[in-house]
Amino acid sequence: MKYTLEQNAISSLTIAIENFKKIYYRSEQYSESEIDEATKICLIFLENSIELLLKAILVVNDPTSIYEEPNSRRIRNAQSKVDDSHKLEDILISEGNFKTITYAETVKKYNRLYHNSIKVSTVLSRLGERRNAITHFGLDTSSKYDELIIEIINVFDVIYNYLYPQLAELSDIGRYFVSDDLIVDTIHGTKFLFDDDYVYNNIIDFLDELVYEGSHEFVCKARVANPNTNMQFFHEMLCKSINDKKFSRLISKYNVIFSFDTVDFMNNWMSFEIHQEEDFCDSVLSRYSYFFNVTAFCGECGIIYFVVDHNENKIFIYDDEAIWPEPDEPEPDYMWKNDCDNGLCKKYNLSKRNILLAFEQIFKRNCQSTDD
């Protein structure tokens, strides 16, 4: 069995995904012990795949960047054998007896070169900690199993929204990240796009479905049920605000028809319609960030009206235009806090009064739009 660095990475990622499907979709055919085993295998191989994928990306820019002693005689000798058919890393793999940088150093080097993202650093570092724990002592997830699943989803999010552009360009495995026809490429040959359970067989559609909307209900139910997230507190506050007489007076003041298109508080999925004049309507949609634990309320084009930071029980009300990233785009670190520093929004304590203030700002901004 001989793998290139890239092939080894995609093999580990495939094993991680297949075991994640067992624990995420929770087929009744698996026992609890099999689910536990699948969780362990998923974490081990997901961490291994991330390390190898990052190293495969790093060597594209600098073939010696993943080694502890990049100027050693052994590496210089291997460099003399590099040609169109043999990469430096593959020569060293075949010869053995060399050391690459650690997982932690690989994450730091990659993130520093491509993103400088707190999210990338935190998510991938946490994965390393989980892998070390489960291989040495095991994990007690009896009360926090859903949060472990969310951590894994965040790793897939990083692959999908941060690593993907570089992965698609890798020579040995790039096709596995772009193949999305009815017949798709996998490391075990071509397969139909869907398996017998209508789960995607290819990587890109699996990640797209999981990150874009497939995991939203699972994550939000888990977070609302977790008192440490403060999401239930916000939902209760929002309900009280909308049912308050002051909210009715706001609607009359701005001549607004306000309706609930979809309100599912337990899933943190909220949608409101605002009608002003016969030819104008705007939908206000909630968008929840798994990693940052914030809910943004945006117009149809992604224009941010206000953001609720559940960790701090703060509300950021926007005066000027800013766009919330789509689920298939990287998330800027603490965007709402930076926008506040730059004068695009103002920060308030989360209260019924300030939620009403946030909706009044929405009505004002929509009034300005109709006047323009």
Protein backbone atom coordinates (compact mmCIF):
# COMPACT_ATOMS: atom_id res chain seq x y z
CA MET A 1 0.00 0.00 0.00
CA LYS A 2 1.62 3.23 -1.17
CA TYR A 3 -0.02 6.64 -0.97
CA THR A 4 1.16 10.08 -2.00
CA LEU A 5 0.65 12.78 0.62
CA GLU A 6 -2.50 13.95 -1.16
CA GLN A 7 -3.90 10.44 -1.62
CA ASN A 8 -3.32 9.64 2.03
CA ALA A 9 -5.18 12.84 2.97
CA ILE A 10 -8.23 12.07 0.82
CA SER A 11 -8.31 8.48 2.07
CA SER A 12 -8.46 9.67 5.68
CA LEU A 13 -11.09 12.29 4.86
CA THR A 14 -13.27 9.68 3.16
CA ILE A 15 -13.05 7.39 6.22
CA ALA A 16 -13.93 10.34 8.48
CA ILE A 17 -16.96 11.29 6.37
CA GLU A 18 -18.30 7.74 6.18
CA ASN A 19 -18.10 7.37 9.96
CA PHE A 20 -19.59 10.82 10.51
CA LYS A 21 -22.61 9.76 8.45
CA LYS A 22 -23.16 6.89 10.90
CA ILE A 23 -23.19 9.17 13.94
CA TYR A 24 -25.03 12.09 12.31
CA TYR A 25 -27.82 10.29 10.46
CA ARG A 26 -28.14 7.75 13.32
CA SER A 27 -29.41 4.76 11.39
CA GLU A 28 -31.20 2.26 13.64
CA GLN A 29 -28.97 -0.50 12.30
CA TYR A 30 -26.11 0.72 14.51
CA SER A 31 -25.85 -0.02 18.23
CA GLU A 32 -24.63 2.53 20.78
CA SER A 33 -21.22 0.84 20.93
CA GLU A 34 -20.96 1.05 17.13
CA ILE A 35 -21.86 4.75 17.26
CA ASP A 36 -19.15 5.29 19.90
CA GLU A 37 -16.64 3.48 17.74
CA ALA A 38 -17.65 5.48 14.66
CA THR A 39 -17.19 8.71 16.64
CA LYS A 40 -13.67 7.67 17.64
CA ILE A 41 -12.74 6.68 14.09
CA CYS A 42 -14.24 9.90 12.71
CA LEU A 43 -12.22 12.13 15.05
CA ILE A 44 -8.95 10.26 14.49
CA PHE A 45 -9.17 10.22 10.71
CA LEU A 46 -10.62 13.73 10.43
CA GLU A 47 -7.67 15.13 12.37
CA ASN A 48 -5.27 13.06 10.28
CA SER A 49 -6.89 14.23 7.04
CA ILE A 50 -6.74 17.89 8.10
CA GLU A 51 -3.03 17.59 8.90
CA LEU A 52 -2.28 15.95 5.57
CA LEU A 53 -4.52 18.27 3.55
CA LEU A 54 -2.89 21.33 5.07
CA LYS A 55 0.57 19.93 4.40
CA ALA A 56 -0.42 19.12 0.81
CA ILE A 57 -1.49 22.77 0.41
CA LEU A 58 1.66 24.14 2.07
CA VAL A 59 4.08 22.20 -0.14
CA VAL A 60 2.54 23.79 -3.24
CA ASN A 61 4.12 27.11 -2.18
CA ASP A 62 7.23 25.72 -0.49
CA PRO A 63 8.09 21.99 -0.77
CA THR A 64 10.30 22.11 2.35
CA SER A 65 7.87 24.02 4.57
CA ILE A 66 6.38 20.94 6.28
CA TYR A 67 9.67 19.51 7.60
CA GLU A 68 11.31 20.10 10.97
CA GLU A 69 14.75 20.45 9.38
CA PRO A 70 14.13 21.86 5.89
CA ASN A 71 17.86 22.47 5.27
CA SER A 72 19.11 19.02 6.33
CA ARG A 73 21.35 16.95 4.07
CA ARG A 74 18.67 14.26 3.72
CA ILE A 75 16.18 16.77 2.33
CA ARG A 76 18.77 18.38 0.05
CA ASN A 77 19.63 14.93 -1.35
CA ALA A 78 15.94 14.20 -1.92
CA GLN A 79 15.53 17.54 -3.70
CA SER A 80 18.11 16.45 -6.25
CA LYS A 81 15.80 13.57 -7.25
CA VAL A 82 12.72 15.73 -7.82
CA ASP A 83 11.40 15.71 -11.39
CA ASP A 84 8.07 15.90 -13.23
CA SER A 85 7.08 12.46 -11.93
CA HIS A 86 8.41 12.65 -8.37
CA LYS A 87 7.53 15.28 -5.77
CA LEU A 88 9.83 15.98 -2.83
CA GLU A 89 7.31 14.78 -0.24
CA ASP A 90 6.70 11.54 -2.12
CA ILE A 91 10.43 10.82 -2.40
CA LEU A 92 10.85 11.38 1.34
CA ILE A 93 7.80 9.25 2.11
CA SER A 94 9.30 6.37 0.12
CA GLU A 95 12.67 6.77 1.85
CA GLY A 96 11.27 7.28 5.34
CA ASN A 97 13.39 8.43 8.30
CA PHE A 98 12.40 12.10 8.35
CA LYS A 99 10.22 14.32 10.56
CA THR A 100 7.49 16.71 9.54
CA ILE A 101 6.14 19.55 11.66
CA THR A 102 3.44 18.79 14.22
CA TYR A 103 -0.30 19.08 13.65
CA ALA A 104 -0.43 22.25 15.78
CA GLU A 105 2.42 23.88 13.86
CA THR A 106 0.83 22.87 10.55
CA VAL A 107 -2.44 24.58 11.52
CA LYS A 108 -0.60 27.74 12.60
CA LYS A 109 1.51 27.88 9.44
CA TYR A 110 -1.44 27.30 7.11
CA ASN A 111 -3.70 29.80 8.88
CA ARG A 112 -0.97 32.43 8.98
CA LEU A 113 -0.34 32.05 5.25
CA TYR A 114 -3.95 31.97 4.02
CA HIS A 115 -6.50 33.34 6.48
CA ASN A 116 -5.33 34.71 9.85
CA SER A 117 -8.71 33.50 11.09
CA ILE A 118 -9.62 32.96 14.73
CA LYS A 119 -12.31 30.54 13.57
CA VAL A 120 -9.90 28.39 11.53
CA SER A 121 -7.34 28.32 14.34
CA THR A 122 -9.87 27.52 17.08
CA VAL A 123 -11.85 24.88 15.18
CA LEU A 124 -8.81 22.96 13.93
CA SER A 125 -6.92 23.25 17.23
CA ARG A 126 -9.95 21.94 19.09
CA LEU A 127 -10.09 18.99 16.71
CA GLY A 128 -6.50 18.15 17.64
CA GLU A 129 -7.40 18.26 21.33
CA ARG A 130 -10.39 15.98 20.78
CA ARG A 131 -8.30 13.50 18.81
CA ASN A 132 -5.62 13.40 21.51
CA ALA A 133 -8.22 12.91 24.23
CA ILE A 134 -10.05 10.08 22.50
CA THR A 135 -6.86 8.18 21.58
CA HIS A 136 -5.33 8.43 25.07
CA PHE A 137 -8.12 8.55 27.62
CA GLY A 138 -11.42 8.59 25.76
CA LEU A 139 -14.16 11.24 25.85
CA ASP A 140 -17.05 11.55 28.27
CA THR A 141 -19.73 12.92 25.95
CA SER A 142 -22.76 11.62 27.81
CA SER A 143 -24.07 15.14 28.49
CA LYS A 144 -22.45 17.05 25.62
CA TYR A 145 -22.59 14.71 22.65
CA ASP A 146 -24.49 17.18 20.48
CA GLU A 147 -21.77 19.79 21.04
CA LEU A 148 -19.17 17.28 19.87
CA ILE A 149 -21.17 16.76 16.66
CA ILE A 150 -21.35 20.55 16.22
CA GLU A 151 -17.58 20.76 16.61
CA ILE A 152 -17.18 18.20 13.83
CA ILE A 153 -19.64 20.12 11.64
CA ASN A 154 -17.52 23.22 12.21
CA VAL A 155 -14.49 21.31 10.91
CA PHE A 156 -16.42 20.41 7.75
CA ASP A 157 -17.41 24.08 7.52
CA VAL A 158 -13.72 25.06 7.58
CA ILE A 159 -12.98 22.51 4.83
CA TYR A 160 -15.91 23.79 2.74
CA ASN A 161 -15.49 27.54 3.23
CA TYR A 162 -11.76 28.00 3.85
CA LEU A 163 -9.70 25.09 2.50
CA TYR A 164 -11.82 24.30 -0.55
CA PRO A 165 -10.25 26.69 -3.12
CA GLN A 166 -6.79 25.28 -2.45
CA LEU A 167 -7.98 21.66 -2.25
CA ALA A 168 -9.70 21.88 -5.64
CA GLU A 169 -6.32 22.79 -7.19
CA LEU A 170 -4.34 19.84 -5.80
CA SER A 171 -3.16 17.63 -8.63
CA ASP A 172 -3.79 14.16 -7.17
CA ILE A 173 -7.13 14.77 -5.44
CA GLY A 174 -8.65 18.01 -6.76
CA ARG A 175 -11.21 16.11 -8.84
CA TYR A 176 -12.75 14.60 -5.72
CA PHE A 177 -13.68 18.08 -4.49
CA VAL A 178 -15.35 19.24 -7.70
CA SER A 179 -17.05 16.07 -9.01
CA ASP A 180 -20.81 16.65 -8.70
CA ASP A 181 -22.48 15.08 -11.73
CA LEU A 182 -24.93 12.18 -11.54
CA ILE A 183 -21.91 9.87 -11.65
CA VAL A 184 -19.17 11.11 -9.31
CA ASP A 185 -15.51 10.36 -8.65
CA THR A 186 -14.61 8.73 -5.33
CA ILE A 187 -11.41 7.09 -4.15
CA HIS A 188 -13.15 3.74 -4.65
CA GLY A 189 -14.08 4.46 -8.26
CA THR A 190 -17.09 6.14 -9.82
CA LYS A 191 -20.43 5.96 -8.00
CA PHE A 192 -23.92 7.34 -8.34
CA LEU A 193 -24.36 10.78 -6.77
CA PHE A 194 -26.68 9.33 -4.09
CA ASP A 195 -26.36 6.09 -2.19
CA ASP A 196 -29.33 3.86 -1.32
CA ASP A 197 -30.29 6.16 1.58
CA TYR A 198 -30.14 9.28 -0.62
CA VAL A 199 -26.99 10.51 1.10
CA TYR A 200 -24.39 12.09 -1.15
CA ASN A 201 -21.47 9.87 -2.21
CA ASN A 202 -19.28 12.78 -3.30
CA ILE A 203 -17.46 15.25 -1.09
CA ILE A 204 -18.59 18.64 -2.40
CA ASP A 205 -22.34 17.94 -2.37
CA PHE A 206 -22.09 16.27 1.05
CA LEU A 207 -20.32 19.34 2.47
CA ASP A 208 -22.66 21.73 0.68
CA GLU A 209 -25.78 20.04 2.02
CA LEU A 210 -24.38 19.70 5.54
CA VAL A 211 -22.98 23.22 5.91
CA TYR A 212 -25.46 25.20 3.82
CA GLU A 213 -28.69 24.11 5.49
CA GLY A 214 -28.76 20.40 6.31
CA SER A 215 -27.37 20.76 9.83
CA HIS A 216 -29.25 23.94 10.77
CA GLU A 217 -32.17 22.28 12.53
CA PHE A 218 -29.93 19.83 14.41
CA VAL A 219 -27.53 22.53 15.60
CA CYS A 220 -30.18 25.04 16.59
CA LYS A 221 -32.26 22.51 18.53
CA ALA A 222 -29.16 21.48 20.44
CA ARG A 223 -28.17 25.07 21.13
CA VAL A 224 -31.63 26.21 22.22
CA ALA A 225 -31.78 23.25 24.62
CA ASN A 226 -28.38 24.19 26.05
CA PRO A 227 -28.86 26.92 28.69
CA ASN A 228 -25.22 27.97 28.37
CA THR A 229 -25.88 29.38 24.89
CA ASN A 230 -28.45 31.95 26.16
CA MET A 231 -30.56 31.35 23.05
CA GLN A 232 -33.73 30.46 24.96
CA PHE A 233 -33.41 33.75 26.85
CA PHE A 234 -33.29 35.65 23.56
CA HIS A 235 -36.26 33.79 22.12
CA GLU A 236 -38.38 34.58 25.16
CA MET A 237 -37.31 38.23 24.98
CA LEU A 238 -38.15 38.42 21.27
CA CYS A 239 -41.61 36.92 21.78
CA LYS A 240 -42.37 39.41 24.56
CA SER A 241 -41.16 42.31 22.39
CA ILE A 242 -43.29 41.40 19.37
CA ASN A 243 -46.38 40.88 21.53
CA ASP A 244 -45.88 44.15 23.42
CA LYS A 245 -48.30 47.06 22.88
CA LYS A 246 -45.31 49.28 22.10
CA PHE A 247 -44.56 47.09 19.09
CA SER A 248 -48.11 47.61 17.83
CA ARG A 249 -47.66 51.36 18.20
CA LEU A 250 -44.42 51.17 16.19
CA ILE A 251 -46.23 49.39 13.38
CA SER A 252 -48.89 52.12 13.34
CA LYS A 253 -46.32 54.92 13.53
CA TYR A 254 -44.46 53.73 10.45
CA ASN A 255 -47.57 52.50 8.59
CA VAL A 256 -46.14 48.98 8.39
CA ILE A 257 -47.86 45.65 7.81
CA PHE A 258 -45.79 43.19 9.82
CA SER A 259 -46.37 39.46 9.48
CA PHE A 260 -44.73 36.24 10.54
CA ASP A 261 -43.88 34.26 7.44
CA THR A 262 -42.19 31.51 9.43
CA VAL A 263 -41.40 31.61 13.11
CA ASP A 264 -39.82 28.52 14.61
CA PHE A 265 -38.24 29.75 17.82
CA MET A 266 -37.13 26.33 18.97
CA ASN A 267 -35.07 25.92 15.80
CA ASN A 268 -33.80 29.51 15.86
CA TRP A 269 -35.28 30.01 12.42
CA MET A 270 -37.22 33.25 12.14
CA SER A 271 -38.64 35.09 9.17
CA PHE A 272 -40.76 38.23 9.13
CA GLU A 273 -42.36 40.14 6.29
CA ILE A 274 -42.55 43.93 6.31
CA HIS A 275 -44.94 45.68 3.92
CA GLN A 276 -44.74 49.43 3.37
CA GLU A 277 -46.86 50.81 0.53
CA GLU A 278 -48.44 48.49 -1.99
CA ASP A 279 -45.33 47.80 -4.07
CA PHE A 280 -42.74 47.28 -1.33
CA CYS A 281 -42.07 44.21 0.76
CA ASP A 282 -38.97 43.06 2.60
CA SER A 283 -38.37 39.74 4.32
CA VAL A 284 -36.24 39.74 7.45
CA LEU A 285 -34.47 36.40 7.83
CA SER A 286 -32.45 35.06 10.75
CA ARG A 287 -29.01 33.56 10.11
CA TYR A 288 -27.27 31.67 12.88
CA SER A 289 -23.50 31.27 13.19
CA TYR A 290 -22.62 27.90 14.76
CA PHE A 291 -19.10 28.91 15.67
CA PHE A 292 -19.68 32.41 17.04
CA ASN A 293 -23.12 31.69 18.61
CA VAL A 294 -24.71 34.80 17.14
CA THR A 295 -27.96 35.34 15.23
CA ALA A 296 -28.06 37.97 12.50
CA PHE A 297 -31.30 39.42 11.17
CA CYS A 298 -30.92 40.41 7.55
CA GLY A 299 -32.93 41.60 4.58
CA GLU A 300 -33.40 39.46 1.49
CA CYS A 301 -30.08 40.61 -0.02
CA GLY A 302 -28.14 39.88 3.18
CA ILE A 303 -28.17 43.48 4.43
CA ILE A 304 -27.75 43.32 8.20
CA TYR A 305 -30.40 44.95 10.38
CA PHE A 306 -29.22 43.71 13.76
CA VAL A 307 -27.07 40.98 15.32
CA VAL A 308 -27.63 39.26 18.66
CA ASP A 309 -24.46 38.06 20.38
CA HIS A 310 -25.80 35.27 22.59
CA ASN A 311 -22.51 34.78 24.44
CA GLU A 312 -22.62 38.32 25.81
CA ASN A 313 -26.39 38.99 25.63
CA LYS A 314 -25.73 42.07 23.50
CA ILE A 315 -27.56 43.41 20.46
CA PHE A 316 -25.81 45.30 17.66
CA ILE A 317 -28.17 47.58 15.73
CA TYR A 318 -26.99 48.68 12.30
CA ASP A 319 -27.32 52.25 11.00
CA ASP A 320 -25.28 51.74 7.82
CA GLU A 321 -25.18 49.02 5.20
CA ALA A 322 -23.19 45.84 5.77
CA ILE A 323 -23.67 42.39 4.24
CA TRP A 324 -23.78 39.13 6.20
CA PRO A 325 -21.77 36.34 4.53
CA GLU A 326 -23.64 33.51 2.81
CA PRO A 327 -23.36 29.99 4.30
CA ASP A 328 -20.91 29.07 1.51
CA GLU A 329 -18.55 31.97 2.31
CA PRO A 330 -15.93 32.40 5.06
CA GLU A 331 -17.10 34.22 8.17
CA PRO A 332 -15.09 37.32 9.11
CA ASP A 333 -14.00 37.08 12.74
CA TYR A 334 -16.36 39.03 15.03
CA MET A 335 -17.70 41.07 12.13
CA TRP A 336 -20.36 42.82 14.25
CA LYS A 337 -17.78 43.99 16.80
CA ASN A 338 -15.52 45.35 14.08
CA ASP A 339 -18.51 47.05 12.45
CA CYS A 340 -19.31 48.63 15.80
CA ASP A 341 -15.75 49.94 16.13
CA ASN A 342 -16.05 51.34 12.59
CA GLY A 343 -19.33 53.12 13.32
CA LEU A 344 -21.62 50.93 11.20
CA CYS A 345 -23.68 49.79 14.19
CA LYS A 346 -24.21 50.46 17.89
CA LYS A 347 -24.03 47.98 20.77
CA TYR A 348 -26.75 47.68 23.41
CA ASN A 349 -27.66 45.32 26.22
CA LEU A 350 -30.13 42.65 25.09
CA SER A 351 -33.50 43.76 26.45
CA LYS A 352 -37.10 44.10 25.30
CA ARG A 353 -36.63 47.84 24.93
CA ASN A 354 -33.60 47.44 22.69
CA ILE A 355 -35.23 44.72 20.55
CA LEU A 356 -38.02 47.23 19.92
CA LEU A 357 -35.35 49.80 19.06
CA ALA A 358 -33.85 47.33 16.56
CA PHE A 359 -37.20 46.85 14.82
CA GLU A 360 -37.82 50.58 14.75
CA GLN A 361 -34.49 50.97 12.98
CA ILE A 362 -35.61 48.37 10.41
CA PHE A 363 -38.84 50.29 9.79
CA LYS A 364 -36.92 53.57 9.44
CA ARG A 365 -34.45 52.10 6.98
CA ASN A 366 -37.25 50.63 4.89
CA CYS A 367 -39.06 53.97 4.91
CA GLN A 368 -35.91 55.60 3.54
CA SER A 369 -35.76 52.93 0.82
CA THR A 370 -39.31 53.68 -0.32
CA ASP A 371 -38.62 57.43 -0.28
CA ASP A 372 -35.55 56.93 -2.47
